[in-house]
Protein backbone atom coordinates (compact mmCIF):
# COMPACT_ATOMS: atom_id res chain seq x y z
CA MET A 1 -70.40 -40.06 -76.39
CA GLU A 2 -69.68 -36.40 -75.65
CA SER A 3 -73.26 -35.84 -74.55
CA PHE A 4 -73.01 -38.82 -72.20
CA ILE A 5 -69.92 -37.34 -70.57
CA LEU A 6 -71.72 -34.03 -70.10
CA GLN A 7 -74.58 -35.87 -68.44
CA PHE A 8 -72.21 -37.30 -65.86
CA ILE A 9 -70.66 -33.89 -65.28
CA ASP A 10 -74.10 -32.30 -64.90
CA ASN A 11 -75.04 -34.92 -62.31
CA GLU A 12 -71.65 -34.60 -60.54
CA ILE A 13 -70.91 -38.29 -60.92
CA ASN A 14 -67.35 -39.58 -60.39
CA ASP A 15 -65.60 -42.86 -59.61
CA ASN A 16 -66.46 -42.55 -55.94
CA ASP A 17 -70.14 -43.00 -56.81
CA LEU A 18 -69.63 -46.40 -58.42
CA PRO A 19 -71.02 -48.97 -58.73
CA PHE A 20 -74.52 -48.20 -60.01
CA SER A 21 -77.20 -50.73 -60.78
CA ALA A 22 -80.15 -50.46 -63.13
CA SER A 23 -83.25 -49.07 -61.51
CA LYS A 24 -86.06 -51.54 -60.91
CA ASN A 25 -88.60 -48.80 -61.56
CA ASP A 26 -90.11 -49.58 -64.93
CA ASP A 27 -90.94 -45.92 -65.48
CA CYS A 28 -87.32 -44.85 -65.05
CA LEU A 29 -84.30 -45.47 -67.20
CA GLY A 30 -81.92 -44.22 -64.53
CA PHE A 31 -79.43 -45.90 -62.22
CA SER A 32 -79.33 -46.13 -58.46
CA ARG A 33 -76.30 -46.79 -56.32
CA ASN A 34 -76.19 -50.05 -54.44
CA ASP A 35 -76.49 -48.37 -51.05
CA HIS A 36 -79.46 -46.34 -52.38
CA ARG A 37 -77.99 -43.06 -51.17
CA ILE A 38 -77.72 -41.68 -54.69
CA ARG A 39 -80.16 -41.98 -57.54
CA ILE A 40 -79.37 -40.68 -61.00
CA ASP A 41 -82.37 -40.01 -63.21
CA PHE A 42 -81.64 -39.93 -66.91
CA THR A 43 -85.28 -39.62 -67.95
CA SER A 44 -84.54 -36.25 -69.48
CA TYR A 45 -82.12 -38.04 -71.82
CA ARG A 46 -84.57 -40.77 -72.74
CA ASP A 47 -84.00 -40.29 -76.45
CA GLU A 48 -80.23 -40.68 -76.09
CA TRP A 49 -80.04 -43.55 -73.58
CA GLU A 50 -81.29 -46.66 -75.27
CA PRO A 51 -81.64 -49.94 -73.36
CA ARG A 52 -78.36 -51.21 -74.80
CA ASP A 53 -76.62 -48.11 -73.41
CA HIS A 54 -77.90 -48.96 -69.96
CA ASP A 55 -76.69 -52.55 -70.30
CA SER A 56 -73.31 -51.38 -71.56
CA PHE A 57 -72.90 -48.91 -68.71
CA GLU A 58 -73.88 -51.44 -66.06
CA THR A 59 -71.40 -53.99 -67.44
CA ASN A 60 -68.43 -51.76 -68.29
CA GLN A 61 -68.46 -49.65 -65.14
CA TRP A 62 -66.67 -52.54 -63.40
CA ARG A 63 -63.71 -52.17 -65.75
CA VAL A 64 -62.90 -48.74 -64.34
CA TYR A 65 -64.03 -49.43 -60.78
CA LEU A 66 -60.72 -50.90 -59.58
CA PRO A 67 -59.72 -51.13 -55.91
CA TYR A 68 -56.71 -49.59 -54.20
CA PHE A 69 -54.74 -51.71 -51.72
CA SER A 70 -53.09 -50.13 -48.68
CA ARG A 71 -50.62 -51.90 -46.46
CA GLU A 72 -52.04 -52.70 -43.07
CA GLN A 73 -50.78 -50.61 -40.20
CA GLY A 74 -50.83 -51.61 -36.55
CA GLY A 75 -52.84 -54.75 -37.13
CA SER A 76 -56.03 -52.83 -37.87
CA MET A 77 -58.94 -54.57 -39.59
CA LYS A 78 -59.92 -51.27 -41.21
CA THR A 79 -57.79 -51.98 -44.27
CA HIS A 80 -59.62 -55.23 -45.06
CA GLN A 81 -61.86 -54.83 -48.11
CA ASP A 82 -64.81 -56.88 -49.38
CA PHE A 83 -65.35 -56.85 -53.14
CA GLU A 84 -68.26 -57.93 -55.31
CA GLU A 85 -67.79 -60.85 -57.68
CA LEU A 86 -68.07 -58.49 -60.68
CA ARG A 87 -65.27 -56.26 -59.40
CA PHE A 88 -62.15 -56.29 -61.56
CA MET A 89 -58.79 -56.53 -59.81
CA PRO A 90 -55.86 -54.24 -60.78
CA PHE A 91 -53.68 -57.21 -61.70
CA ILE A 92 -51.80 -56.34 -64.87
CA LYS A 93 -50.19 -59.76 -65.09
CA VAL A 94 -50.98 -63.14 -63.60
CA LEU A 95 -47.92 -65.37 -63.78
CA SER A 96 -49.64 -68.75 -63.79
CA LYS A 97 -50.99 -71.30 -66.23
CA GLU A 98 -54.03 -69.21 -67.10
CA ALA A 99 -53.98 -67.04 -70.21
CA SER A 100 -54.95 -63.69 -68.74
CA PRO A 101 -55.40 -61.89 -65.43
CA THR A 102 -59.17 -61.88 -65.85
CA SER A 103 -59.57 -65.57 -66.64
CA ALA A 104 -57.09 -66.59 -63.96
CA TRP A 105 -58.64 -64.54 -61.23
CA ARG A 106 -62.24 -65.41 -61.98
CA THR A 107 -61.81 -69.15 -61.60
CA SER A 108 -63.30 -70.79 -58.56
CA PRO A 109 -61.06 -71.78 -55.63
CA SER A 110 -61.32 -75.44 -56.59
CA ASP A 111 -60.05 -74.58 -60.08
CA VAL A 112 -57.12 -72.54 -58.83
CA GLY A 113 -55.76 -75.26 -56.60
CA GLY A 114 -56.50 -77.87 -53.98
CA GLY A 115 -56.07 -78.32 -50.26
CA TYR A 116 -56.41 -75.59 -47.69
CA SER A 117 -55.28 -72.80 -50.01
CA SER A 118 -53.65 -71.95 -53.31
CA VAL A 119 -51.26 -69.19 -54.35
CA ILE A 120 -51.31 -67.06 -57.49
CA ARG A 121 -48.41 -64.82 -58.51
CA VAL A 122 -49.53 -61.42 -59.80
CA ALA A 123 -48.20 -58.01 -60.74
CA ILE A 124 -50.36 -55.16 -59.42
CA HIS A 125 -50.58 -51.79 -61.17
CA ASP A 126 -48.42 -49.29 -59.29
CA GLY A 127 -51.30 -46.83 -59.13
CA HIS A 128 -53.43 -49.23 -57.13
CA HIS A 129 -51.27 -50.04 -54.10
CA ASP A 130 -48.77 -48.48 -51.71
CA PHE A 131 -46.57 -51.57 -51.24
CA LEU A 132 -43.49 -50.23 -53.04
CA ASN A 133 -41.88 -48.97 -49.84
CA HIS A 134 -41.95 -52.53 -48.53
CA MET A 135 -40.45 -54.21 -51.59
CA PRO A 136 -36.81 -54.81 -52.59
CA THR A 137 -35.26 -52.06 -54.69
CA SER A 138 -34.31 -54.49 -57.45
CA GLY A 139 -35.86 -57.52 -59.02
CA PRO A 140 -39.44 -58.09 -60.16
CA ARG A 141 -42.07 -56.52 -57.93
CA THR A 142 -44.65 -59.24 -57.88
CA PHE A 143 -46.98 -60.43 -55.19
CA ALA A 144 -48.46 -63.65 -53.91
CA ILE A 145 -52.24 -63.79 -53.59
CA LYS A 146 -53.12 -66.61 -51.21
CA VAL A 147 -56.68 -67.79 -51.84
CA LEU A 148 -58.21 -69.86 -49.05
CA THR A 149 -60.41 -72.71 -50.18
CA THR A 150 -62.33 -72.63 -46.92
CA LYS A 151 -65.58 -70.72 -46.78
CA LYS A 152 -65.37 -70.31 -43.01
CA LYS A 153 -64.63 -66.77 -41.92
CA GLU A 154 -63.14 -67.98 -38.63
CA ASP A 155 -60.43 -69.93 -40.52
CA PHE A 156 -59.47 -66.78 -42.39
CA GLU A 157 -59.53 -64.65 -39.23
CA ASN A 158 -57.39 -67.18 -37.34
CA GLU A 159 -54.57 -67.04 -39.90
CA VAL A 160 -54.79 -63.27 -40.28
CA ARG A 161 -54.71 -62.77 -36.54
CA MET A 162 -51.49 -64.76 -36.26
CA LEU A 163 -49.88 -62.81 -39.10
CA ARG A 164 -50.89 -59.48 -37.60
CA ALA A 165 -49.47 -60.50 -34.24
CA LEU A 166 -46.16 -61.33 -35.94
CA ARG A 167 -46.05 -58.25 -38.17
CA GLY A 168 -42.66 -56.58 -38.25
CA ARG A 169 -40.85 -59.62 -36.84
CA PRO A 170 -37.80 -60.73 -38.81
CA HIS A 171 -38.01 -64.13 -40.48
CA VAL A 172 -41.81 -64.05 -40.72
CA ILE A 173 -43.70 -63.49 -43.98
CA ASP A 174 -45.03 -59.93 -44.22
CA LEU A 175 -48.81 -59.63 -44.61
CA LEU A 176 -49.52 -56.66 -46.88
CA ALA A 177 -53.32 -56.64 -47.10
CA THR A 178 -56.43 -58.82 -47.00
CA PHE A 179 -59.63 -58.84 -48.98
CA SER A 180 -62.54 -61.02 -50.03
CA HIS A 181 -63.69 -61.33 -53.62
CA GLY A 182 -66.90 -63.08 -54.51
CA GLY A 183 -66.88 -65.05 -51.27
CA ARG A 184 -63.20 -66.04 -51.44
CA TRP A 185 -60.86 -65.02 -48.63
CA CYS A 186 -57.55 -63.64 -49.92
CA LEU A 187 -54.25 -62.47 -48.43
CA ILE A 188 -51.53 -60.46 -50.20
CA PHE A 189 -47.83 -61.14 -49.52
CA PRO A 190 -44.54 -60.26 -51.21
CA TRP A 191 -43.58 -62.93 -53.73
CA ALA A 192 -40.76 -65.17 -52.48
CA ASP A 193 -38.02 -66.58 -54.68
CA GLY A 194 -38.89 -70.06 -53.47
CA ASP A 195 -39.33 -72.21 -50.41
CA LEU A 196 -36.55 -73.96 -48.52
CA LEU A 197 -36.74 -76.99 -50.80
CA ALA A 198 -36.30 -74.74 -53.83
CA TYR A 199 -33.33 -73.09 -52.14
CA TRP A 200 -31.71 -76.46 -51.44
CA ALA A 201 -32.38 -77.53 -55.04
CA THR A 202 -30.14 -74.72 -56.31
CA VAL A 203 -27.22 -76.85 -55.10
CA PRO A 204 -27.58 -80.45 -56.38
CA THR A 205 -24.29 -81.60 -54.88
CA ALA A 206 -22.44 -80.57 -51.74
CA PRO A 207 -22.11 -76.76 -51.54
CA GLN A 208 -18.72 -75.23 -51.03
CA MET A 209 -18.27 -75.10 -47.26
CA SER A 210 -17.29 -71.45 -46.99
CA VAL A 211 -17.27 -69.43 -43.79
CA ARG A 212 -19.78 -67.03 -45.34
CA LEU A 213 -22.25 -69.81 -46.20
CA VAL A 214 -22.04 -71.48 -42.78
CA ARG A 215 -22.51 -68.16 -41.03
CA TRP A 216 -25.53 -67.37 -43.21
CA VAL A 217 -27.10 -70.77 -42.46
CA SER A 218 -26.46 -70.21 -38.75
CA GLU A 219 -28.07 -66.75 -38.87
CA GLN A 220 -31.15 -68.12 -40.60
CA CYS A 221 -31.55 -70.96 -38.11
CA LEU A 222 -31.29 -68.48 -35.24
CA GLY A 223 -33.81 -66.16 -36.90
CA ILE A 224 -36.36 -68.94 -37.38
CA VAL A 225 -35.98 -70.00 -33.73
CA LYS A 226 -36.48 -66.40 -32.59
CA ALA A 227 -39.71 -66.18 -34.59
CA LEU A 228 -40.91 -69.49 -33.17
CA ASP A 229 -40.07 -68.46 -29.61
CA TRP A 230 -42.08 -65.28 -30.01
CA MET A 231 -45.06 -67.37 -31.12
CA HIS A 232 -44.68 -69.70 -28.15
CA ASN A 233 -44.02 -66.88 -25.68
CA PRO A 234 -45.61 -63.69 -27.04
CA GLU A 235 -45.48 -60.29 -25.46
CA ASN A 236 -48.55 -58.42 -24.27
CA GLU A 237 -49.71 -57.06 -27.60
CA PRO A 238 -53.36 -56.58 -28.65
CA ASN A 239 -53.37 -59.41 -31.18
CA THR A 240 -52.10 -61.93 -28.61
CA LEU A 241 -54.66 -61.15 -25.90
CA ASP A 242 -58.06 -62.75 -25.45
CA PRO A 243 -60.54 -60.10 -26.67
CA GLN A 244 -62.97 -61.02 -23.89
CA THR A 245 -60.71 -61.46 -20.85
CA GLN A 246 -57.50 -59.76 -22.04
CA GLU A 247 -55.68 -62.89 -20.89
CA GLN A 248 -52.38 -63.65 -22.61
CA LEU A 249 -52.70 -66.24 -25.39
CA PHE A 250 -49.94 -68.58 -26.55
CA ALA A 251 -49.50 -69.78 -30.12
CA ARG A 252 -48.09 -72.65 -32.11
CA HIS A 253 -47.41 -72.85 -35.84
CA GLY A 254 -48.61 -76.41 -36.29
CA ASP A 255 -47.17 -77.14 -39.73
CA ILE A 256 -43.44 -76.39 -39.84
CA LYS A 257 -41.79 -77.97 -42.89
CA PRO A 258 -39.42 -76.85 -45.67
CA GLU A 259 -42.35 -75.89 -47.91
CA ASN A 260 -43.55 -73.42 -45.26
CA ILE A 261 -40.20 -71.65 -44.91
CA LEU A 262 -39.74 -69.17 -47.75
CA TRP A 263 -36.54 -67.78 -49.25
CA PHE A 264 -36.28 -64.11 -50.24
CA LYS A 265 -33.10 -63.29 -52.16
CA ASN A 266 -33.60 -59.60 -51.34
CA GLY A 267 -32.14 -58.25 -54.55
CA SER A 268 -29.06 -60.47 -54.86
CA SER A 269 -28.16 -60.77 -58.55
CA GLU A 270 -25.41 -63.37 -58.22
CA PRO A 271 -26.68 -66.65 -59.73
CA ASN A 272 -24.58 -68.83 -57.41
CA ASP A 273 -24.88 -66.70 -54.29
CA TYR A 274 -26.30 -69.21 -51.81
CA ALA A 275 -25.43 -67.15 -48.74
CA SER A 276 -27.76 -64.20 -49.21
CA GLY A 277 -31.32 -63.21 -48.52
CA GLU A 278 -33.57 -64.24 -45.68
CA LEU A 279 -35.64 -67.25 -44.72
CA ALA A 280 -39.13 -66.51 -43.40
CA MET A 281 -41.78 -68.66 -41.76
CA ALA A 282 -45.06 -68.75 -43.67
CA ASP A 283 -48.41 -70.52 -44.02
CA PHE A 284 -50.05 -70.08 -40.63
CA GLY A 285 -53.27 -71.80 -41.73
CA LEU A 286 -52.89 -74.53 -39.09
CA SER A 287 -51.64 -72.22 -36.35
CA SER A 288 -53.70 -71.53 -33.25
CA PHE A 289 -53.86 -69.45 -30.08
CA ASN A 290 -54.57 -71.07 -26.71
CA HIS A 291 -54.83 -69.97 -23.10
CA LYS A 292 -52.04 -70.84 -20.68
CA ASN A 293 -54.00 -73.68 -19.07
CA SER A 294 -55.09 -75.23 -22.38
CA ARG A 295 -52.07 -74.69 -24.63
CA SER A 296 -50.96 -78.34 -24.26
CA LYS A 297 -54.38 -80.00 -23.94
CA VAL A 298 -55.61 -80.16 -27.53
CA SER A 299 -56.52 -83.67 -28.70
CA ASN A 300 -54.33 -84.93 -31.54
CA GLN A 301 -57.48 -86.09 -33.33
CA ASN A 302 -58.53 -82.46 -33.75
CA VAL A 303 -55.24 -81.18 -35.20
CA ALA A 304 -54.22 -81.39 -38.86
CA HIS A 305 -50.54 -81.81 -39.65
CA THR A 306 -48.04 -82.94 -42.26
CA PRO A 307 -47.31 -86.62 -41.45
CA ALA A 308 -43.62 -86.60 -42.42
CA TYR A 309 -42.80 -83.86 -39.89
CA ALA A 310 -45.25 -84.91 -37.19
CA PRO A 311 -43.97 -86.14 -33.79
CA PRO A 312 -45.04 -89.43 -32.17
CA GLU A 313 -47.74 -87.77 -30.04
CA SER A 314 -49.59 -86.70 -33.18
CA VAL A 315 -50.56 -90.30 -34.02
CA LEU A 316 -50.59 -92.15 -30.68
CA GLU A 317 -54.02 -92.71 -29.19
CA GLY A 318 -54.75 -90.61 -26.12
CA TYR A 319 -52.02 -88.03 -26.66
CA VAL A 320 -52.59 -84.29 -26.74
CA ILE A 321 -50.88 -81.68 -28.89
CA GLY A 322 -48.98 -78.66 -27.62
CA ARG A 323 -46.20 -76.33 -28.63
CA ALA A 324 -43.71 -79.21 -28.51
CA ILE A 325 -45.01 -80.30 -31.91
CA ASP A 326 -43.22 -77.29 -33.42
CA ILE A 327 -39.93 -78.23 -31.74
CA TRP A 328 -40.01 -81.71 -33.26
CA ALA A 329 -40.93 -80.43 -36.72
CA LEU A 330 -38.21 -77.78 -36.64
CA GLY A 331 -35.73 -80.46 -35.54
CA CYS A 332 -36.63 -82.42 -38.67
CA VAL A 333 -36.06 -79.32 -40.81
CA PHE A 334 -32.74 -78.57 -39.10
CA LEU A 335 -31.60 -82.16 -39.65
CA GLU A 336 -32.39 -81.85 -43.34
CA SER A 337 -30.59 -78.49 -43.40
CA VAL A 338 -27.45 -80.09 -41.98
CA THR A 339 -27.86 -82.89 -44.52
CA TRP A 340 -27.98 -80.31 -47.32
CA LEU A 341 -24.96 -78.44 -45.98
CA MET A 342 -22.96 -81.66 -46.01
CA GLY A 343 -24.14 -83.13 -49.30
CA GLY A 344 -26.48 -80.84 -51.22
CA MET A 345 -29.98 -81.61 -52.46
CA GLN A 346 -28.98 -85.10 -53.53
CA SER A 347 -28.30 -86.01 -49.90
CA VAL A 348 -31.63 -84.52 -48.81
CA GLU A 349 -33.43 -86.70 -51.35
CA ASP A 350 -31.42 -89.76 -50.29
CA PHE A 351 -32.37 -89.03 -46.68
CA GLN A 352 -36.04 -88.89 -47.61
CA ARG A 353 -35.97 -92.16 -49.57
CA ASN A 354 -34.25 -93.98 -46.73
CA ARG A 355 -36.86 -92.80 -44.23
CA TYR A 356 -39.63 -94.70 -45.99
CA SER A 357 -41.06 -97.71 -44.18
CA GLN A 358 -39.48 -101.05 -45.07
CA ASP A 359 -42.91 -102.71 -45.10
CA PRO A 360 -43.55 -103.77 -48.73
CA GLY A 361 -46.26 -101.74 -50.39
CA VAL A 362 -46.29 -99.04 -47.73
CA VAL A 363 -44.99 -95.52 -48.30
CA ASN A 364 -44.48 -93.79 -44.98
CA ASP A 365 -41.98 -90.93 -44.84
CA VAL A 366 -41.41 -90.25 -41.13
CA PHE A 367 -38.48 -89.34 -38.90
CA TRP A 368 -39.25 -91.98 -36.27
CA GLU A 369 -40.27 -95.58 -35.58
CA VAL A 370 -41.54 -97.25 -32.41
CA ARG A 371 -39.41 -100.04 -30.95
CA GLU A 372 -39.21 -101.70 -27.56
CA SER A 373 -35.50 -100.95 -27.38
CA SER A 374 -33.97 -97.59 -28.15
CA ASP A 375 -30.34 -98.76 -28.58
CA ASN A 376 -28.63 -97.13 -31.57
CA ARG A 377 -31.75 -95.08 -32.16
CA GLU A 378 -29.82 -92.39 -33.99
CA GLU A 379 -27.78 -94.58 -36.33
CA TRP A 380 -27.76 -92.06 -39.11
CA ILE A 381 -26.73 -89.09 -36.96
CA ALA A 382 -23.95 -91.11 -35.37
CA THR A 383 -22.64 -92.15 -38.77
CA ARG A 384 -22.97 -88.66 -40.17
CA ARG A 385 -20.73 -87.28 -37.46
CA GLN A 386 -17.84 -89.21 -39.02
CA GLN A 387 -18.18 -87.63 -42.44
CA PRO A 388 -15.29 -85.45 -43.70
CA ARG A 389 -17.51 -82.33 -43.78
CA ALA A 390 -18.61 -82.69 -40.15
CA THR A 391 -17.26 -79.40 -38.81
CA GLN A 392 -17.58 -78.24 -35.22
CA TYR A 393 -20.62 -76.20 -36.20
CA ILE A 394 -22.33 -79.28 -37.64
CA GLN A 395 -21.37 -81.37 -34.62
CA ASP A 396 -22.93 -78.79 -32.29
CA MET A 397 -26.11 -78.58 -34.38
CA LEU A 398 -26.43 -82.37 -34.40
CA ASP A 399 -26.05 -82.38 -30.61
CA VAL A 400 -29.00 -80.02 -30.21
CA ILE A 401 -31.13 -81.84 -32.79
CA GLN A 402 -30.43 -85.29 -31.39
CA THR A 403 -30.58 -84.70 -27.65
CA HIS A 404 -33.05 -81.82 -27.35
CA MET A 405 -35.37 -81.63 -30.37
CA LEU A 406 -36.02 -85.10 -31.82
CA VAL A 407 -36.97 -86.53 -28.45
CA PRO A 408 -39.92 -88.97 -28.65
CA GLU A 409 -41.40 -88.03 -25.27
CA LYS A 410 -42.77 -84.54 -25.77
CA ASN A 411 -42.39 -83.58 -22.11
CA GLN A 412 -38.64 -84.13 -22.41
CA ARG A 413 -38.32 -82.01 -25.53
CA ILE A 414 -36.63 -78.63 -25.16
CA THR A 415 -38.79 -75.49 -25.02
CA SER A 416 -38.46 -72.71 -27.55
CA GLN A 417 -36.77 -70.52 -24.92
CA GLY A 418 -34.19 -73.20 -24.16
CA LEU A 419 -33.68 -73.85 -27.87
CA LEU A 420 -33.15 -70.15 -28.51
CA ARG A 421 -30.38 -70.03 -25.92
CA LYS A 422 -28.59 -73.03 -27.43
CA ILE A 423 -28.87 -71.87 -31.05
CA LYS A 424 -27.78 -68.38 -30.00
CA THR A 425 -24.67 -69.86 -28.37
CA ILE A 426 -23.86 -71.82 -31.53
CA ASP A 427 -24.37 -68.75 -33.72
CA ASP A 428 -22.14 -66.63 -31.46
CA ARG A 429 -19.37 -69.19 -31.89
CA CYS A 430 -19.98 -69.31 -35.62
CA GLN A 431 -19.77 -65.54 -36.03
CA SER A 432 -16.69 -65.14 -33.81
CA HIS A 433 -14.66 -68.00 -35.32
CA ASP A 434 -13.86 -68.71 -38.92
CA GLU A 435 -12.16 -71.77 -40.39
CA TYR A 436 -11.73 -73.63 -37.10
CA TYR A 437 -15.41 -73.65 -36.20
CA CYS A 438 -17.16 -73.33 -39.54
CA VAL A 439 -15.27 -75.28 -42.18
CA GLN A 440 -12.62 -77.54 -40.62
CA PRO A 441 -13.77 -81.08 -39.70
CA ARG A 442 -13.55 -81.84 -36.02
CA LEU A 443 -12.77 -85.52 -36.60
CA PRO A 444 -11.10 -87.05 -39.68
CA ALA A 445 -13.07 -89.74 -41.48
CA GLU A 446 -11.61 -92.63 -43.45
CA ASP A 447 -14.86 -93.86 -44.94
CA GLN A 448 -16.28 -91.23 -47.26
CA THR A 449 -19.09 -93.46 -48.57
CA PRO A 450 -22.51 -91.90 -47.89
CA PRO A 451 -24.08 -93.80 -44.97
CA SER A 452 -27.37 -95.66 -45.03
CA ILE A 453 -29.92 -93.20 -43.70
CA LYS A 454 -32.47 -94.39 -41.16
CA PRO A 455 -35.17 -92.65 -39.16
CA ALA A 456 -34.80 -91.70 -35.54
CA VAL A 457 -35.92 -94.47 -33.20
CA GLY A 458 -37.23 -93.80 -29.74
CA ARG A 459 -38.61 -95.52 -26.66
CA LEU A 460 -42.20 -94.88 -25.67
CA GLY A 461 -44.16 -96.06 -22.63
CA ILE A 462 -45.59 -99.59 -22.72
CA LYS A 463 -49.18 -98.38 -22.53
CA HIS A 464 -48.78 -96.46 -25.76
CA ARG A 465 -47.09 -99.07 -27.93
CA GLU A 466 -50.25 -100.94 -28.86
CA TYR A 467 -52.32 -97.84 -29.44
CA ILE A 468 -51.19 -96.82 -32.88
CA ARG A 469 -53.92 -95.39 -35.02
CA GLU A 470 -54.06 -94.87 -38.75
CA LEU A 471 -52.12 -91.95 -40.14
CA THR A 472 -53.45 -90.64 -43.44
CA SER A 473 -51.81 -87.92 -45.47
CA ALA A 474 -53.56 -85.12 -47.31
CA SER A 475 -53.49 -87.27 -50.45
CA ASN A 476 -55.39 -90.06 -48.63
CA ASN A 477 -52.53 -92.53 -48.95
CA THR A 478 -52.75 -95.17 -46.23
CA LYS A 479 -49.94 -94.82 -43.71
CA ARG A 480 -48.72 -97.55 -41.40
CA LEU A 481 -46.72 -97.41 -38.21
CA GLN A 482 -44.71 -100.40 -37.03
CA VAL A 483 -44.25 -101.60 -33.46
CA PHE A 484 -41.00 -103.57 -33.41
CA GLN A 485 -40.65 -106.36 -30.87
CA GLY A 486 -37.37 -107.71 -29.59
CA ASP A 487 -33.88 -106.48 -30.35
CA ALA A 488 -34.11 -103.11 -32.07
CA GLU A 489 -30.95 -103.73 -34.04
CA GLY A 490 -31.58 -107.22 -35.30
CA SER A 491 -35.27 -108.00 -35.05
CA THR A 492 -37.26 -108.34 -38.24
CA ARG A 493 -40.57 -109.17 -36.54
CA ALA A 494 -43.08 -106.38 -36.40
CA LYS A 495 -46.74 -105.77 -35.86
CA THR A 496 -48.21 -103.61 -38.59
CA HIS A 497 -51.24 -101.49 -37.81
CA ALA A 498 -53.19 -100.26 -40.79
CA CYS A 499 -56.66 -100.12 -42.27
């Protein structure tokens, strides 16, 4: 072994020269570097280097040839790295079902998970990254490796471009680095403590309505709206300009839902501290940039979405998709947030169950139905206003959700700029008042029985009522939409459209 080490020293070989591959020259027992710039001839050591030594060197060199990850700066692509399939990753622990970092990381994308992407939680050796300055000072320093199942480079570049454009913005997931490994596209993020559903689940019943909690919820709602408004109305930064024409591009998220809003505790050690940390928008795999003249002209048949949080225009024949889809989806999330604030996770789950279609045998979790009459279309919101925990803050949030966000006609929905102004006004009131605004009910309620929860109901134009096409979720469950005829409150007759 000592003689082997001396051979490397004599040939001035170090880690920067890796990897080497066996020479194809039958007369030579040496190695040549993959780029063919360096060739090491060990013919003078023919007696010492047996064929098995060559095989061992070629195999084991990958164990010491580990990459170093640097945090991206300024949205530059220079930090992206492409690795060979044989390259080992500096993951000292993979916190998943697999037994070891090696076996977990070397599975194929289809084995790791399904759908558009999968996420693996890992710990990276401190000597192989410079992310520590961007991590919380306490708590486990682990990372999320998002592995895209798509093989298309443009899908990867689209998501990365959006994340780079949003880098440094509060309430947006922080992209640390990107790489490819054996043909798989990967992104590195800080590991979150959970998504919004996991956060809600920490409180099964109604949380204590403290001023601190309400103010924290208000701050997070405002922060998410700010991030969304920047996507819808970006500034003139390189990553938001058309590379060919330098024309300003406008973006939409396309898949806002509780699972795509992450919760970072940011070092809080209190087990029951629900009013700490930060919520951040994530998963921009369905996001897109469009020019000013085409930002609201994308056919709904060409846009993937999560059915439960999709607006009416996403399933009605002939409609196009624009940034208003994000307003509707965020309105759904805000309505569930208010539901949680008033009754905990149990109320959120009750809300979901009561949104299912009443058609026997059909499971269709949506926030809306189509009826010819729109009387009492917000039965649940109206009833919820009478609950004993309906403070002035909740009343104001319900006003915005009901009259500006969950509006069936997309052209009548509020813009992100208008929404930002309204949520900012509510947050200002929340921060400047205490018990009166945050925790004291505006109206007393005699009936404290949880109301029957129903979806929002809205009026659509006559020409659209008969053009309801199939809505299929990612799990290929058949979805049905109902067109109610007659009195919206009492009619039980309905036309069901399904395959």
